[in-house]
Amino acid sequence: MPALTIKNIPDDLYHELKNVAEQHHRSINSEVIMCLKRSLFPKKISPEDRLNDIRTLRAQISPNSITDEDIEQAINEGRS
């Protein structure tokens, strides 16, 4: 299996990577591989699944949560 050496990693990036690896109970090496896989091979979502996600989100939003009066007030406040 090929090996990869990464040089000159900024300290803040290394520490964040180390923290995330610990949270996931992985080595830093395994966490880097997972990050690369997620970045290079993103999960493909079907149009049907995306629409179902949108419908679920819409159902969680209460209709008419912003009234015409709220919009009018925001416009008037922005003019002053």
Protein backbone atom coordinates (compact mmCIF):
# COMPACT_ATOMS: atom_id res chain seq x y z
CA MET A 1 0.00 0.00 0.00
CA PRO A 2 1.41 3.44 -0.88
CA ALA A 3 2.54 5.81 1.85
CA LEU A 4 2.18 9.58 1.97
CA THR A 5 4.20 12.07 3.99
CA ILE A 6 2.71 15.48 4.70
CA LYS A 7 5.11 18.25 5.65
CA ASN A 8 4.68 21.73 7.11
CA ILE A 9 1.23 21.20 8.60
CA PRO A 10 0.17 24.39 10.44
CA ASP A 11 0.00 23.87 14.21
CA ASP A 12 -3.69 24.79 14.44
CA LEU A 13 -4.60 22.32 11.70
CA TYR A 14 -2.59 19.54 13.35
CA HIS A 15 -4.17 20.15 16.75
CA GLU A 16 -7.68 20.20 15.29
CA LEU A 17 -6.99 17.00 13.36
CA LYS A 18 -5.66 15.40 16.54
CA ASN A 19 -8.77 16.47 18.51
CA VAL A 20 -11.16 15.15 15.86
CA ALA A 21 -9.24 11.87 15.64
CA GLU A 22 -9.53 11.45 19.41
CA GLN A 23 -13.27 12.16 19.28
CA HIS A 24 -13.69 9.45 16.64
CA HIS A 25 -11.35 7.04 18.47
CA ARG A 26 -8.99 6.95 15.49
CA SER A 27 -5.31 7.49 14.93
CA ILE A 28 -4.33 10.71 13.20
CA ASN A 29 -3.41 8.66 10.14
CA SER A 30 -6.85 7.02 10.02
CA GLU A 31 -8.55 10.39 10.49
CA VAL A 32 -6.58 11.88 7.58
CA ILE A 33 -7.63 8.95 5.38
CA MET A 34 -11.28 9.46 6.35
CA CYS A 35 -11.06 13.20 5.64
CA LEU A 36 -9.55 12.52 2.23
CA LYS A 37 -12.22 9.92 1.40
CA ARG A 38 -15.04 12.30 2.38
CA SER A 39 -13.49 15.06 0.33
CA LEU A 40 -12.57 13.07 -2.76
CA PHE A 41 -15.50 10.63 -2.81
CA PRO A 42 -18.50 12.53 -1.47
CA LYS A 43 -21.72 10.64 -0.87
CA LYS A 44 -24.02 11.03 -3.84
CA ILE A 45 -27.62 11.86 -2.94
CA SER A 46 -30.40 10.96 -5.34
CA PRO A 47 -32.85 13.68 -6.36
CA GLU A 48 -35.61 11.78 -4.58
CA ASP A 49 -33.66 11.68 -1.32
CA ARG A 50 -32.83 15.39 -1.62
CA LEU A 51 -36.51 16.22 -2.17
CA ASN A 52 -37.48 14.11 0.84
CA ASP A 53 -34.94 16.01 2.96
CA ILE A 54 -36.37 19.33 1.74
CA ARG A 55 -39.93 18.21 2.49
CA THR A 56 -38.89 17.14 5.99
CA LEU A 57 -37.27 20.53 6.62
CA ARG A 58 -40.29 22.39 5.27
CA ALA A 59 -42.58 20.44 7.59
CA GLN A 60 -40.53 21.67 10.55
CA ILE A 61 -41.00 25.34 9.60
CA SER A 62 -44.15 26.92 10.93
CA PRO A 63 -46.08 28.66 8.16
CA ASN A 64 -46.59 32.39 8.37
CA SER A 65 -43.93 32.78 11.03
CA ILE A 66 -43.16 36.17 9.45
CA THR A 67 -46.13 38.43 8.95
CA ASP A 68 -46.60 41.22 6.44
CA GLU A 69 -46.33 43.63 9.35
CA ASP A 70 -42.93 42.17 10.31
CA ILE A 71 -41.69 42.71 6.77
CA GLU A 72 -43.05 46.26 6.67
CA GLN A 73 -41.42 47.06 10.02
CA ALA A 74 -38.06 45.68 8.85
CA ILE A 75 -38.25 47.77 5.66
CA ASN A 76 -39.09 50.91 7.64
CA GLU A 77 -36.29 50.29 10.13
CA GLY A 78 -33.83 49.89 7.29
CA ARG A 79 -34.83 53.28 5.89
CA SER A 80 -34.16 55.24 9.05
